[in-house]
Amino acid sequence: AAGFLNKDAAAETIAAAISAAAEGRSLLDARAMAALLGQQTVAPAADAAGLTSREFDVIHLIAQGLSNQQIARELVLGMSTVKTHINHILAKTSCRDRAAVVSYAYENGLV
């Protein structure tokens, strides 16, 4: 196995996992990673804002300081898709900018 996805993974996430595996990388769903690390699952906090698992992945990478281009490379997505995810995150969390998203993520235990 080159990775793990939850059964509710979006088609986009499945495609990213296949691409990652073909490149010799692995993709592990954020909720699965939290479970493997023995952390309490973050899904309820993410679900409270209506965030998808992919949006959670993007938040995690924003919190690590990655640029849109780096996020696109990491998640095997196009730049426009990353920007769309970020716009959805901003709307769902009522944040004005990336810095506010990072603050929101830490305050709500998402990272």
PDB file of N, CA and C in Angstrom:
ATOM      1  N   ALA A   1       0.846  -1.179   0.000  1.00  0.00           N
ATOM      2  CA  ALA A   1       0.000   0.000   0.000  1.00  0.00           C
ATOM      3  C   ALA A   1       0.892   1.242   0.000  1.00  0.00           C
ATOM      4  N   ALA A   2       0.498   2.209  -0.819  1.00  0.00           N
ATOM      5  CA  ALA A   2       1.271   3.444  -0.917  1.00  0.00           C
ATOM      6  C   ALA A   2       0.582   4.598  -0.202  1.00  0.00           C
ATOM      7  N   GLY A   3      -0.529   4.323   0.449  1.00  0.00           N
ATOM      8  CA  GLY A   3      -1.237   5.380   1.140  1.00  0.00           C
ATOM      9  C   GLY A   3      -2.557   4.875   1.684  1.00  0.00           C
ATOM     10  N   PHE A   4      -3.312   5.800   2.244  1.00  0.00           N
ATOM     11  CA  PHE A   4      -4.609   5.429   2.800  1.00  0.00           C
ATOM     12  C   PHE A   4      -5.562   6.602   2.647  1.00  0.00           C
ATOM     13  N   LEU A   5      -6.762   6.291   2.175  1.00  0.00           N
ATOM     14  CA  LEU A   5      -7.820   7.288   2.065  1.00  0.00           C
ATOM     15  C   LEU A   5      -9.042   6.763   2.800  1.00  0.00           C
ATOM     16  N   ASN A   6      -9.839   7.668   3.313  1.00  0.00           N
ATOM     17  CA  ASN A   6     -11.099   7.265   3.925  1.00  0.00           C
ATOM     18  C   ASN A   6     -12.092   6.911   2.843  1.00  0.00           C
ATOM     19  N   LYS A   7     -13.094   6.140   3.206  1.00  0.00           N
ATOM     20  CA  LYS A   7     -14.054   5.679   2.211  1.00  0.00           C
ATOM     21  C   LYS A   7     -14.875   6.808   1.592  1.00  0.00           C
ATOM     22  N   ASP A   8     -14.911   7.975   2.235  1.00  0.00           N
ATOM     23  CA  ASP A   8     -15.663   9.104   1.686  1.00  0.00           C
ATOM     24  C   ASP A   8     -14.773  10.076   0.911  1.00  0.00           C
ATOM     25  N   ALA A   9     -13.589   9.616   0.496  1.00  0.00           N
ATOM     26  CA  ALA A   9     -12.661  10.483  -0.228  1.00  0.00           C
ATOM     27  C   ALA A   9     -13.273  10.942  -1.549  1.00  0.00           C
ATOM     28  N   ALA A  10     -13.043  12.203  -1.856  1.00  0.00           N
ATOM     29  CA  ALA A  10     -13.543  12.778  -3.109  1.00  0.00           C
ATOM     30  C   ALA A  10     -12.743  12.227  -4.282  1.00  0.00           C
ATOM     31  N   ALA A  11     -13.348  12.281  -5.459  1.00  0.00           N
ATOM     32  CA  ALA A  11     -12.683  11.799  -6.673  1.00  0.00           C
ATOM     33  C   ALA A  11     -11.345  12.504  -6.869  1.00  0.00           C
ATOM     34  N   GLU A  12     -11.306  13.784  -6.562  1.00  0.00           N
ATOM     35  CA  GLU A  12     -10.074  14.574  -6.684  1.00  0.00           C
ATOM     36  C   GLU A  12      -8.983  14.022  -5.765  1.00  0.00           C
ATOM     37  N   THR A  13      -9.356  13.618  -4.569  1.00  0.00           N
ATOM     38  CA  THR A  13      -8.409  13.069  -3.607  1.00  0.00           C
ATOM     39  C   THR A  13      -7.893  11.716  -4.083  1.00  0.00           C
ATOM     40  N   ILE A  14      -8.783  10.918  -4.632  1.00  0.00           N
ATOM     41  CA  ILE A  14      -8.391   9.602  -5.159  1.00  0.00           C
ATOM     42  C   ILE A  14      -7.405   9.782  -6.308  1.00  0.00           C
ATOM     43  N   ALA A  15      -7.690  10.726  -7.204  1.00  0.00           N
ATOM     44  CA  ALA A  15      -6.789  10.992  -8.324  1.00  0.00           C
ATOM     45  C   ALA A  15      -5.424  11.453  -7.822  1.00  0.00           C
ATOM     46  N   ALA A  16      -5.414  12.299  -6.798  1.00  0.00           N
ATOM     47  CA  ALA A  16      -4.150  12.776  -6.228  1.00  0.00           C
ATOM     48  C   ALA A  16      -3.361  11.618  -5.627  1.00  0.00           C
ATOM     49  N   ALA A  17      -4.041  10.695  -4.977  1.00  0.00           N
ATOM     50  CA  ALA A  17      -3.377   9.537  -4.372  1.00  0.00           C
ATOM     51  C   ALA A  17      -2.772   8.633  -5.441  1.00  0.00           C
ATOM     52  N   ILE A  18      -3.489   8.448  -6.524  1.00  0.00           N
ATOM     53  CA  ILE A  18      -2.979   7.619  -7.623  1.00  0.00           C
ATOM     54  C   ILE A  18      -1.750   8.272  -8.237  1.00  0.00           C
ATOM     55  N   SER A  19      -1.818   9.576  -8.471  1.00  0.00           N
ATOM     56  CA  SER A  19      -0.669  10.298  -9.024  1.00  0.00           C
ATOM     57  C   SER A  19       0.525  10.231  -8.085  1.00  0.00           C
ATOM     58  N   ALA A  20       0.266  10.408  -6.805  1.00  0.00           N
ATOM     59  CA  ALA A  20       1.354  10.350  -5.821  1.00  0.00           C
ATOM     60  C   ALA A  20       2.002   8.970  -5.827  1.00  0.00           C
ATOM     61  N   ALA A  21       1.198   7.921  -5.858  1.00  0.00           N
ATOM     62  CA  ALA A  21       1.731   6.554  -5.867  1.00  0.00           C
ATOM     63  C   ALA A  21       2.558   6.305  -7.126  1.00  0.00           C
ATOM     64  N   ALA A  22       2.082   6.809  -8.257  1.00  0.00           N
ATOM     65  CA  ALA A  22       2.810   6.638  -9.516  1.00  0.00           C
ATOM     66  C   ALA A  22       4.169   7.330  -9.477  1.00  0.00           C
ATOM     67  N   GLU A  23       4.276   8.393  -8.680  1.00  0.00           N
ATOM     68  CA  GLU A  23       5.531   9.136  -8.537  1.00  0.00           C
ATOM     69  C   GLU A  23       6.387   8.588  -7.397  1.00  0.00           C
ATOM     70  N   GLY A  24       5.946   7.506  -6.775  1.00  0.00           N
ATOM     71  CA  GLY A  24       6.710   6.915  -5.686  1.00  0.00           C
ATOM     72  C   GLY A  24       6.481   7.561  -4.344  1.00  0.00           C
ATOM     73  N   ARG A  25       5.463   8.430  -4.255  1.00  0.00           N
ATOM     74  CA  ARG A  25       5.123   9.078  -2.991  1.00  0.00           C
ATOM     75  C   ARG A  25       3.877   8.419  -2.431  1.00  0.00           C
ATOM     76  N   SER A  26       3.551   8.761  -1.215  1.00  0.00           N
ATOM     77  CA  SER A  26       2.327   8.230  -0.620  1.00  0.00           C
ATOM     78  C   SER A  26       1.437   9.372  -0.164  1.00  0.00           C
ATOM     79  N   LEU A  27       0.173   9.086  -0.062  1.00  0.00           N
ATOM     80  CA  LEU A  27      -0.792  10.081   0.398  1.00  0.00           C
ATOM     81  C   LEU A  27      -1.590   9.451   1.525  1.00  0.00           C
ATOM     82  N   LEU A  28      -1.615  10.129   2.649  1.00  0.00           N
ATOM     83  CA  LEU A  28      -2.328   9.637   3.812  1.00  0.00           C
ATOM     84  C   LEU A  28      -3.343  10.682   4.222  1.00  0.00           C
ATOM     85  N   ASP A  29      -4.604  10.295   4.271  1.00  0.00           N
ATOM     86  CA  ASP A  29      -5.672  11.201   4.667  1.00  0.00           C
ATOM     87  C   ASP A  29      -5.363  11.783   6.040  1.00  0.00           C
ATOM     88  N   ALA A  30      -5.676  13.058   6.228  1.00  0.00           N
ATOM     89  CA  ALA A  30      -5.359  13.752   7.487  1.00  0.00           C
ATOM     90  C   ALA A  30      -5.987  13.059   8.692  1.00  0.00           C
ATOM     91  N   ARG A  31      -7.214  12.575   8.555  1.00  0.00           N
ATOM     92  CA  ARG A  31      -7.859  11.897   9.687  1.00  0.00           C
ATOM     93  C   ARG A  31      -7.159  10.582   9.997  1.00  0.00           C
ATOM     94  N   ALA A  32      -6.719   9.884   8.953  1.00  0.00           N
ATOM     95  CA  ALA A  32      -5.996   8.633   9.157  1.00  0.00           C
ATOM     96  C   ALA A  32      -4.656   8.905   9.826  1.00  0.00           C
ATOM     97  N   MET A  33      -3.993   9.976   9.394  1.00  0.00           N
ATOM     98  CA  MET A  33      -2.703  10.332   9.990  1.00  0.00           C
ATOM     99  C   MET A  33      -2.865  10.636  11.471  1.00  0.00           C
ATOM    100  N   ALA A  34      -3.903  11.376  11.817  1.00  0.00           N
ATOM    101  CA  ALA A  34      -4.144  11.704  13.220  1.00  0.00           C
ATOM    102  C   ALA A  34      -4.374  10.434  14.029  1.00  0.00           C
ATOM    103  N   ALA A  35      -5.124   9.505  13.473  1.00  0.00           N
ATOM    104  CA  ALA A  35      -5.392   8.247  14.173  1.00  0.00           C
ATOM    105  C   ALA A  35      -4.113   7.436  14.340  1.00  0.00           C
ATOM    106  N   LEU A  36      -3.281   7.396  13.288  1.00  0.00           N
ATOM    107  CA  LEU A  36      -2.029   6.648  13.363  1.00  0.00           C
ATOM    108  C   LEU A  36      -1.064   7.245  14.380  1.00  0.00           C
ATOM    109  N   LEU A  37      -1.098   8.547  14.516  1.00  0.00           N
ATOM    110  CA  LEU A  37      -0.217   9.214  15.467  1.00  0.00           C
ATOM    111  C   LEU A  37      -0.771   9.184  16.882  1.00  0.00           C
ATOM    112  N   GLY A  38      -1.939   8.558  17.038  1.00  0.00           N
ATOM    113  CA  GLY A  38      -2.529   8.440  18.361  1.00  0.00           C
ATOM    114  C   GLY A  38      -3.179   9.710  18.847  1.00  0.00           C
ATOM    115  N   GLN A  39      -3.429  10.640  17.930  1.00  0.00           N
ATOM    116  CA  GLN A  39      -4.070  11.891  18.300  1.00  0.00           C
ATOM    117  C   GLN A  39      -5.564  11.728  18.190  1.00  0.00           C
ATOM    118  N   GLN A  40      -6.256  12.561  18.911  1.00  0.00           N
ATOM    119  CA  GLN A  40      -7.708  12.564  18.797  1.00  0.00           C
ATOM    120  C   GLN A  40      -8.052  13.048  17.399  1.00  0.00           C
ATOM    121  N   THR A  41      -9.030  12.440  16.793  1.00  0.00           N
ATOM    122  CA  THR A  41      -9.407  12.821  15.443  1.00  0.00           C
ATOM    123  C   THR A  41      -9.838  14.274  15.383  1.00  0.00           C
ATOM    124  N   VAL A  42      -9.504  14.927  14.281  1.00  0.00           N
ATOM    125  CA  VAL A  42      -9.829  16.334  14.111  1.00  0.00           C
ATOM    126  C   VAL A  42     -11.084  16.514  13.266  1.00  0.00           C
ATOM    127  N   ALA A  43     -11.641  15.419  12.798  1.00  0.00           N
ATOM    128  CA  ALA A  43     -12.802  15.522  11.913  1.00  0.00           C
ATOM    129  C   ALA A  43     -13.961  16.305  12.532  1.00  0.00           C
ATOM    130  N   PRO A  44     -14.328  16.094  13.809  1.00  0.00           N
ATOM    131  CA  PRO A  44     -15.460  16.858  14.352  1.00  0.00           C
ATOM    132  C   PRO A  44     -15.254  18.365  14.311  1.00  0.00           C
ATOM    133  N   ALA A  45     -14.045  18.834  14.619  1.00  0.00           N
ATOM    134  CA  ALA A  45     -13.782  20.268  14.573  1.00  0.00           C
ATOM    135  C   ALA A  45     -13.876  20.782  13.149  1.00  0.00           C
ATOM    136  N   ALA A  46     -13.351  20.010  12.202  1.00  0.00           N
ATOM    137  CA  ALA A  46     -13.422  20.414  10.801  1.00  0.00           C
ATOM    138  C   ALA A  46     -14.859  20.369  10.316  1.00  0.00           C
ATOM    139  N   ASP A  47     -15.589  19.340  10.719  1.00  0.00           N
ATOM    140  CA  ASP A  47     -16.977  19.210  10.301  1.00  0.00           C
ATOM    141  C   ASP A  47     -17.841  20.337  10.846  1.00  0.00           C
ATOM    142  N   ALA A  48     -17.470  20.869  12.014  1.00  0.00           N
ATOM    143  CA  ALA A  48     -18.260  21.936  12.625  1.00  0.00           C
ATOM    144  C   ALA A  48     -18.335  23.158  11.711  1.00  0.00           C
ATOM    145  N   ALA A  49     -17.283  23.421  10.961  1.00  0.00           N
ATOM    146  CA  ALA A  49     -17.273  24.549  10.040  1.00  0.00           C
ATOM    147  C   ALA A  49     -17.722  24.119   8.647  1.00  0.00           C
ATOM    148  N   GLY A  50     -18.019  22.841   8.479  1.00  0.00           N
ATOM    149  CA  GLY A  50     -18.415  22.340   7.172  1.00  0.00           C
ATOM    150  C   GLY A  50     -17.240  22.135   6.238  1.00  0.00           C
ATOM    151  N   LEU A  51     -16.035  21.998   6.792  1.00  0.00           N
ATOM    152  CA  LEU A  51     -14.845  21.811   5.977  1.00  0.00           C
ATOM    153  C   LEU A  51     -14.764  20.373   5.468  1.00  0.00           C
ATOM    154  N   THR A  52     -14.333  20.225   4.233  1.00  0.00           N
ATOM    155  CA  THR A  52     -14.104  18.893   3.680  1.00  0.00           C
ATOM    156  C   THR A  52     -12.730  18.406   4.123  1.00  0.00           C
ATOM    157  N   SER A  53     -12.452  17.131   3.948  1.00  0.00           N
ATOM    158  CA  SER A  53     -11.137  16.607   4.322  1.00  0.00           C
ATOM    159  C   SER A  53     -10.043  17.256   3.479  1.00  0.00           C
ATOM    160  N   ARG A  54     -10.322  17.575   2.219  1.00  0.00           N
ATOM    161  CA  ARG A  54      -9.324  18.234   1.372  1.00  0.00           C
ATOM    162  C   ARG A  54      -9.076  19.663   1.859  1.00  0.00           C
ATOM    163  N   GLU A  55     -10.124  20.350   2.276  1.00  0.00           N
ATOM    164  CA  GLU A  55      -9.944  21.696   2.834  1.00  0.00           C
ATOM    165  C   GLU A  55      -9.118  21.635   4.111  1.00  0.00           C
ATOM    166  N   PHE A  56      -9.348  20.598   4.900  1.00  0.00           N
ATOM    167  CA  PHE A  56      -8.536  20.414   6.103  1.00  0.00           C
ATOM    168  C   PHE A  56      -7.076  20.218   5.725  1.00  0.00           C
ATOM    169  N   ASP A  57      -6.814  19.416   4.676  1.00  0.00           N
ATOM    170  CA  ASP A  57      -5.437  19.214   4.215  1.00  0.00           C
ATOM    171  C   ASP A  57      -4.796  20.543   3.827  1.00  0.00           C
ATOM    172  N   VAL A  58      -5.546  21.392   3.135  1.00  0.00           N
ATOM    173  CA  VAL A  58      -5.041  22.692   2.706  1.00  0.00           C
ATOM    174  C   VAL A  58      -4.753  23.575   3.926  1.00  0.00           C
ATOM    175  N   ILE A  59      -5.646  23.581   4.903  1.00  0.00           N
ATOM    176  CA  ILE A  59      -5.428  24.359   6.127  1.00  0.00           C
ATOM    177  C   ILE A  59      -4.134  23.908   6.812  1.00  0.00           C
ATOM    178  N   HIS A  60      -3.946  22.615   6.897  1.00  0.00           N
ATOM    179  CA  HIS A  60      -2.748  22.071   7.539  1.00  0.00           C
ATOM    180  C   HIS A  60      -1.486  22.587   6.843  1.00  0.00           C
ATOM    181  N   LEU A  61      -1.494  22.622   5.527  1.00  0.00           N
ATOM    182  CA  LEU A  61      -0.329  23.085   4.773  1.00  0.00           C
ATOM    183  C   LEU A  61      -0.161  24.601   4.856  1.00  0.00           C
ATOM    184  N   ILE A  62      -1.270  25.326   4.897  1.00  0.00           N
ATOM    185  CA  ILE A  62      -1.190  26.783   5.106  1.00  0.00           C
ATOM    186  C   ILE A  62      -0.532  27.052   6.460  1.00  0.00           C
ATOM    187  N   ALA A  63      -0.928  26.295   7.469  1.00  0.00           N
ATOM    188  CA  ALA A  63      -0.376  26.470   8.815  1.00  0.00           C
ATOM    189  C   ALA A  63       1.113  26.150   8.867  1.00  0.00           C
ATOM    190  N   GLN A  64       1.577  25.330   7.935  1.00  0.00           N
ATOM    191  CA  GLN A  64       3.008  25.020   7.849  1.00  0.00           C
ATOM    192  C   GLN A  64       3.772  26.100   7.083  1.00  0.00           C
ATOM    193  N   GLY A  65       3.035  27.085   6.548  1.00  0.00           N
ATOM    194  CA  GLY A  65       3.679  28.192   5.848  1.00  0.00           C
ATOM    195  C   GLY A  65       3.888  27.982   4.365  1.00  0.00           C
ATOM    196  N   LEU A  66       3.248  26.963   3.786  1.00  0.00           N
ATOM    197  CA  LEU A  66       3.424  26.699   2.370  1.00  0.00           C
ATOM    198  C   LEU A  66       2.660  27.706   1.513  1.00  0.00           C
ATOM    199  N   SER A  67       3.235  28.032   0.377  1.00  0.00           N
ATOM    200  CA  SER A  67       2.588  28.917  -0.589  1.00  0.00           C
ATOM    201  C   SER A  67       1.554  28.118  -1.383  1.00  0.00           C
ATOM    202  N   ASN A  68       0.729  28.821  -2.152  1.00  0.00           N
ATOM    203  CA  ASN A  68      -0.257  28.125  -2.987  1.00  0.00           C
ATOM    204  C   ASN A  68       0.426  27.148  -3.935  1.00  0.00           C
ATOM    205  N   GLN A  69       1.535  27.559  -4.525  1.00  0.00           N
ATOM    206  CA  GLN A  69       2.252  26.695  -5.458  1.00  0.00           C
ATOM    207  C   GLN A  69       2.784  25.446  -4.745  1.00  0.00           C
ATOM    208  N   GLN A  70       3.320  25.624  -3.556  1.00  0.00           N
ATOM    209  CA  GLN A  70       3.815  24.477  -2.788  1.00  0.00           C
ATOM    210  C   GLN A  70       2.678  23.549  -2.384  1.00  0.00           C
ATOM    211  N   ILE A  71       1.536  24.115  -2.016  1.00  0.00           N
ATOM    212  CA  ILE A  71       0.362  23.306  -1.668  1.00  0.00           C
ATOM    213  C   ILE A  71      -0.085  22.509  -2.886  1.00  0.00           C
ATOM    214  N   ALA A  72      -0.120  23.157  -4.040  1.00  0.00           N
ATOM    215  CA  ALA A  72      -0.520  22.474  -5.273  1.00  0.00           C
ATOM    216  C   ALA A  72       0.400  21.288  -5.557  1.00  0.00           C
ATOM    217  N   ARG A  73       1.702  21.496  -5.393  1.00  0.00           N
ATOM    218  CA  ARG A  73       2.664  20.406  -5.617  1.00  0.00           C
ATOM    219  C   ARG A  73       2.470  19.282  -4.599  1.00  0.00           C
ATOM    220  N   GLU A  74       2.330  19.660  -3.343  1.00  0.00           N
ATOM    221  CA  GLU A  74       2.206  18.667  -2.258  1.00  0.00           C
ATOM    222  C   GLU A  74       0.961  17.797  -2.423  1.00  0.00           C
ATOM    223  N   LEU A  75      -0.149  18.416  -2.804  1.00  0.00           N
ATOM    224  CA  LEU A  75      -1.416  17.688  -2.909  1.00  0.00           C
ATOM    225  C   LEU A  75      -1.734  17.235  -4.331  1.00  0.00           C
ATOM    226  N   VAL A  76      -0.811  17.487  -5.234  1.00  0.00           N
ATOM    227  CA  VAL A  76      -0.969  17.133  -6.645  1.00  0.00           C
ATOM    228  C   VAL A  76      -2.268  17.731  -7.191  1.00  0.00           C
ATOM    229  N   LEU A  77      -2.371  19.051  -7.064  1.00  0.00           N
ATOM    230  CA  LEU A  77      -3.539  19.791  -7.525  1.00  0.00           C
ATOM    231  C   LEU A  77      -3.094  20.931  -8.427  1.00  0.00           C
ATOM    232  N   GLY A  78      -4.025  21.468  -9.194  1.00  0.00           N
ATOM    233  CA  GLY A  78      -3.763  22.663  -9.976  1.00  0.00           C
ATOM    234  C   GLY A  78      -3.864  23.891  -9.093  1.00  0.00           C
ATOM    235  N   MET A  79      -3.215  24.955  -9.532  1.00  0.00           N
ATOM    236  CA  MET A  79      -3.243  26.201  -8.760  1.00  0.00           C
ATOM    237  C   MET A  79      -4.667  26.720  -8.584  1.00  0.00           C
ATOM    238  N   SER A  80      -5.479  26.626  -9.616  1.00  0.00           N
ATOM    239  CA  SER A  80      -6.850  27.135  -9.502  1.00  0.00           C
ATOM    240  C   SER A  80      -7.645  26.323  -8.485  1.00  0.00           C
ATOM    241  N   THR A  81      -7.376  25.036  -8.388  1.00  0.00           N
ATOM    242  CA  THR A  81      -8.058  24.199  -7.407  1.00  0.00           C
ATOM    243  C   THR A  81      -7.652  24.596  -5.992  1.00  0.00           C
ATOM    244  N   VAL A  82      -6.367  24.856  -5.794  1.00  0.00           N
ATOM    245  CA  VAL A  82      -5.894  25.295  -4.474  1.00  0.00           C
ATOM    246  C   VAL A  82      -6.557  26.612  -4.104  1.00  0.00           C
ATOM    247  N   LYS A  83      -6.595  27.551  -5.043  1.00  0.00           N
ATOM    248  CA  LYS A  83      -7.221  28.845  -4.775  1.00  0.00           C
ATOM    249  C   LYS A  83      -8.702  28.684  -4.448  1.00  0.00           C
ATOM    250  N   THR A  84      -9.373  27.773  -5.132  1.00  0.00           N
ATOM    251  CA  THR A  84     -10.785  27.508  -4.849  1.00  0.00           C
ATOM    252  C   THR A  84     -10.952  26.964  -3.437  1.00  0.00           C
ATOM    253  N   HIS A  85     -10.088  26.006  -3.056  1.00  0.00           N
ATOM    254  CA  HIS A  85     -10.155  25.462  -1.691  1.00  0.00           C
ATOM    255  C   HIS A  85      -9.934  26.568  -0.662  1.00  0.00           C
ATOM    256  N   ILE A  86      -8.961  27.426  -0.905  1.00  0.00           N
ATOM    257  CA  ILE A  86      -8.671  28.506   0.042  1.00  0.00           C
ATOM    258  C   ILE A  86      -9.858  29.457   0.138  1.00  0.00           C
ATOM    259  N   ASN A  87     -10.462  29.789  -0.984  1.00  0.00           N
ATOM    260  CA  ASN A  87     -11.646  30.661  -0.955  1.00  0.00           C
ATOM    261  C   ASN A  87     -12.787  30.015  -0.178  1.00  0.00           C
ATOM    262  N   HIS A  88     -12.975  28.699  -0.333  1.00  0.00           N
ATOM    263  CA  HIS A  88     -14.015  27.996   0.425  1.00  0.00           C
ATOM    264  C   HIS A  88     -13.691  28.020   1.919  1.00  0.00           C
ATOM    265  N   ILE A  89     -12.419  27.816   2.245  1.00  0.00           N
ATOM    266  CA  ILE A  89     -11.990  27.837   3.651  1.00  0.00           C
ATOM    267  C   ILE A  89     -12.252  29.214   4.255  1.00  0.00           C
ATOM    268  N   LEU A  90     -11.883  30.267   3.533  1.00  0.00           N
ATOM    269  CA  LEU A  90     -12.102  31.632   4.028  1.00  0.00           C
ATOM    270  C   LEU A  90     -13.583  31.882   4.273  1.00  0.00           C
ATOM    271  N   ALA A  91     -14.415  31.434   3.350  1.00  0.00           N
ATOM    272  CA  ALA A  91     -15.860  31.647   3.494  1.00  0.00           C
ATOM    273  C   ALA A  91     -16.438  30.840   4.653  1.00  0.00           C
ATOM    274  N   LYS A  92     -16.052  29.577   4.757  1.00  0.00           N
ATOM    275  CA  LYS A  92     -16.618  28.701   5.791  1.00  0.00           C
ATOM    276  C   LYS A  92     -16.169  29.080   7.198  1.00  0.00           C
ATOM    277  N   THR A  93     -14.967  29.616   7.305  1.00  0.00           N
ATOM    278  CA  THR A  93     -14.435  29.957   8.627  1.00  0.00           C
ATOM    279  C   THR A  93     -14.601  31.436   8.964  1.00  0.00           C
ATOM    280  N   SER A  94     -15.111  32.206   8.014  1.00  0.00           N
ATOM    281  CA  SER A  94     -15.273  33.661   8.169  1.00  0.00           C
ATOM    282  C   SER A  94     -13.944  34.355   8.433  1.00  0.00           C
ATOM    283  N   CYS A  95     -12.882  33.805   7.857  1.00  0.00           N
ATOM    284  CA  CYS A  95     -11.562  34.412   7.989  1.00  0.00           C
ATOM    285  C   CYS A  95     -11.318  35.366   6.822  1.00  0.00           C
ATOM    286  N   ARG A  96     -10.529  36.411   7.089  1.00  0.00           N
ATOM    287  CA  ARG A  96     -10.253  37.417   6.055  1.00  0.00           C
ATOM    288  C   ARG A  96      -9.027  37.094   5.230  1.00  0.00           C
ATOM    289  N   ASP A  97      -8.059  36.343   5.803  1.00  0.00           N
ATOM    290  CA  ASP A  97      -6.812  36.070   5.102  1.00  0.00           C
ATOM    291  C   ASP A  97      -6.177  34.797   5.648  1.00  0.00           C
ATOM    292  N   ARG A  98      -5.035  34.435   5.060  1.00  0.00           N
ATOM    293  CA  ARG A  98      -4.348  33.203   5.441  1.00  0.00           C
ATOM    294  C   ARG A  98      -3.917  33.220   6.906  1.00  0.00           C
ATOM    295  N   ALA A  99      -3.461  34.374   7.386  1.00  0.00           N
ATOM    296  CA  ALA A  99      -3.039  34.469   8.788  1.00  0.00           C
ATOM    297  C   ALA A  99      -4.203  34.159   9.719  1.00  0.00           C
ATOM    298  N   ALA A 100      -5.381  34.645   9.381  1.00  0.00           N
ATOM    299  CA  ALA A 100      -6.568  34.363  10.191  1.00  0.00           C
ATOM    300  C   ALA A 100      -6.924  32.880  10.120  1.00  0.00           C
ATOM    301  N   VAL A 101      -6.692  32.255   8.973  1.00  0.00           N
ATOM    302  CA  VAL A 101      -6.951  30.811   8.837  1.00  0.00           C
ATOM    303  C   VAL A 101      -6.030  30.029   9.768  1.00  0.00           C
ATOM    304  N   VAL A 102      -4.761  30.419   9.817  1.00  0.00           N
ATOM    305  CA  VAL A 102      -3.813  29.739  10.709  1.00  0.00           C
ATOM    306  C   VAL A 102      -4.255  29.894  12.161  1.00  0.00           C
ATOM    307  N   SER A 103      -4.642  31.100  12.537  1.00  0.00           N
ATOM    308  CA  SER A 103      -5.131  31.346  13.890  1.00  0.00           C
ATOM    309  C   SER A 103      -6.364  30.498  14.174  1.00  0.00           C
ATOM    310  N   TYR A 104      -7.292  30.470  13.238  1.00  0.00           N
ATOM    311  CA  TYR A 104      -8.515  29.675  13.377  1.00  0.00           C
ATOM    312  C   TYR A 104      -8.170  28.191  13.558  1.00  0.00           C
ATOM    313  N   ALA A 105      -7.223  27.718  12.770  1.00  0.00           N
ATOM    314  CA  ALA A 105      -6.846  26.312  12.824  1.00  0.00           C
ATOM    315  C   ALA A 105      -6.282  25.949  14.192  1.00  0.00           C
ATOM    316  N   TYR A 106      -5.429  26.796  14.734  1.00  0.00           N
ATOM    317  CA  TYR A 106      -4.855  26.512  16.052  1.00  0.00           C
ATOM    318  C   TYR A 106      -5.886  26.637  17.166  1.00  0.00           C
ATOM    319  N   GLU A 107      -6.722  27.654  17.083  1.00  0.00           N
ATOM    320  CA  GLU A 107      -7.746  27.852  18.106  1.00  0.00           C
ATOM    321  C   GLU A 107      -8.767  26.717  18.151  1.00  0.00           C
ATOM    322  N   ASN A 108      -9.000  26.084  17.006  1.00  0.00           N
ATOM    323  CA  ASN A 108      -9.996  25.028  16.927  1.00  0.00           C
ATOM    324  C   ASN A 108      -9.396  23.631  16.893  1.00  0.00           C
ATOM    325  N   GLY A 109      -8.104  23.526  17.167  1.00  0.00           N
ATOM    326  CA  GLY A 109      -7.459  22.222  17.252  1.00  0.00           C
ATOM    327  C   GLY A 109      -7.342  21.488  15.939  1.00  0.00           C
ATOM    328  N   LEU A 110      -7.321  22.210  14.838  1.00  0.00           N
ATOM    329  CA  LEU A 110      -7.220  21.556  13.535  1.00  0.00           C
ATOM    330  C   LEU A 110      -5.782  21.221  13.173  1.00  0.00           C
ATOM    331  N   VAL A 111      -4.840  21.905  13.801  1.00  0.00           N
ATOM    332  CA  VAL A 111      -3.415  21.616  13.570  1.00  0.00           C
ATOM    333  C   VAL A 111      -2.698  21.579  14.903  1.00  0.00           C
TER     334      VAL A 111
END
